[in-house]
Protein backbone atom coordinates (compact mmCIF):
# COMPACT_ATOMS: atom_id res chain seq x y z
CA UNK A 1 127.90 130.03 87.89
CA UNK A 2 128.23 133.41 86.21
CA UNK A 3 131.45 134.58 84.56
CA UNK A 4 131.92 138.06 83.50
CA UNK A 5 134.38 138.85 80.46
CA UNK A 6 135.82 142.20 80.54
CA UNK A 7 134.50 144.57 77.81
CA UNK A 8 136.27 147.38 76.62
CA UNK A 9 134.17 150.77 76.21
CA UNK A 10 134.21 151.80 72.68
CA UNK A 11 131.35 154.73 72.74
CA UNK A 12 129.39 156.75 75.03
CA UNK A 13 126.44 158.57 74.99
CA UNK A 14 124.83 159.94 78.39
CA UNK A 15 124.34 156.71 80.65
CA UNK A 16 124.66 154.34 77.74
CA UNK A 17 128.00 152.66 76.61
CA UNK A 18 128.70 150.40 73.48
CA UNK A 19 131.23 147.87 74.62
CA UNK A 20 133.48 145.53 72.70
CA UNK A 21 134.95 141.67 73.87
CA UNK A 22 136.00 139.18 71.33
CA UNK A 23 134.74 141.11 68.65
CA UNK A 24 131.28 141.45 69.60
CA UNK A 25 129.87 144.90 70.51
CA UNK A 26 126.79 144.90 73.12
CA UNK A 27 125.14 148.09 74.23
CA UNK A 28 124.98 148.37 78.00
CA UNK A 29 123.59 150.70 80.85
CA UNK A 30 126.27 152.49 83.21
CA UNK A 31 123.38 153.52 85.71
CA UNK A 32 124.99 151.07 88.55
CA UNK A 33 128.78 152.48 88.26
CA UNK A 34 129.67 154.42 91.09
CA UNK A 35 133.03 156.01 89.64
CA UNK A 36 133.39 157.51 86.40
CA UNK A 37 134.30 155.93 83.17
CA UNK A 38 135.68 156.73 79.92
CA UNK A 39 136.25 155.46 76.00
CA UNK A 40 138.86 152.29 76.39
CA UNK A 41 137.91 151.47 79.87
CA UNK A 42 137.01 147.86 80.46
CA UNK A 43 134.03 146.73 82.40
CA UNK A 44 132.20 143.74 83.77
CA UNK A 45 128.62 143.51 82.70
CA UNK A 46 126.06 141.40 84.53
CA UNK A 47 123.06 139.83 82.87
CA UNK A 48 120.66 142.67 81.74
CA UNK A 49 123.11 144.82 80.46
CA UNK A 50 124.04 147.02 83.39
CA UNK A 51 127.88 147.51 83.73
CA UNK A 52 128.37 146.99 87.76
CA UNK A 53 132.35 146.98 87.76
CA UNK A 54 135.30 149.19 86.28
CA UNK A 55 138.29 146.60 85.78
CA UNK A 56 142.00 147.86 85.63
CA UNK A 57 143.27 147.72 81.82
CA UNK A 58 146.68 145.32 82.96
CA UNK A 59 143.81 143.06 84.47
CA UNK A 60 141.43 143.18 82.13
CA UNK A 61 143.80 142.00 79.51
CA UNK A 62 145.39 139.28 81.38
CA UNK A 63 141.89 137.76 81.86
CA UNK A 64 140.76 138.08 78.32
CA UNK A 65 143.92 136.29 77.44
CA UNK A 66 143.67 133.58 79.72
CA UNK A 67 140.00 133.25 78.65
CA UNK A 68 140.78 133.14 74.87
CA UNK A 69 143.47 130.22 75.65
CA UNK A 70 140.79 128.28 77.30
CA UNK A 71 138.52 128.89 74.12
CA UNK A 72 140.85 127.84 71.88
CA UNK A 73 141.98 124.69 73.53
CA UNK A 74 138.01 123.48 74.23
CA UNK A 75 137.24 120.19 72.45
CA UNK A 76 135.20 120.67 69.06
């Protein structure tokens, strides 16, 4: 099973973006996206570093909050 974590675009250059999730930065390709995106948008990233879907801002924040809760309550 694969779980995608919404990642926020913090910088863009051509078909590449720097995204952030839980304080971690990654460089990802935007080649697979069918719609334009902008800094501040949230994306889902597949293995290999390709963004494949833009996520609505509110839904991304809800998902991130839920994931943070799960991580905070995980056994050590």
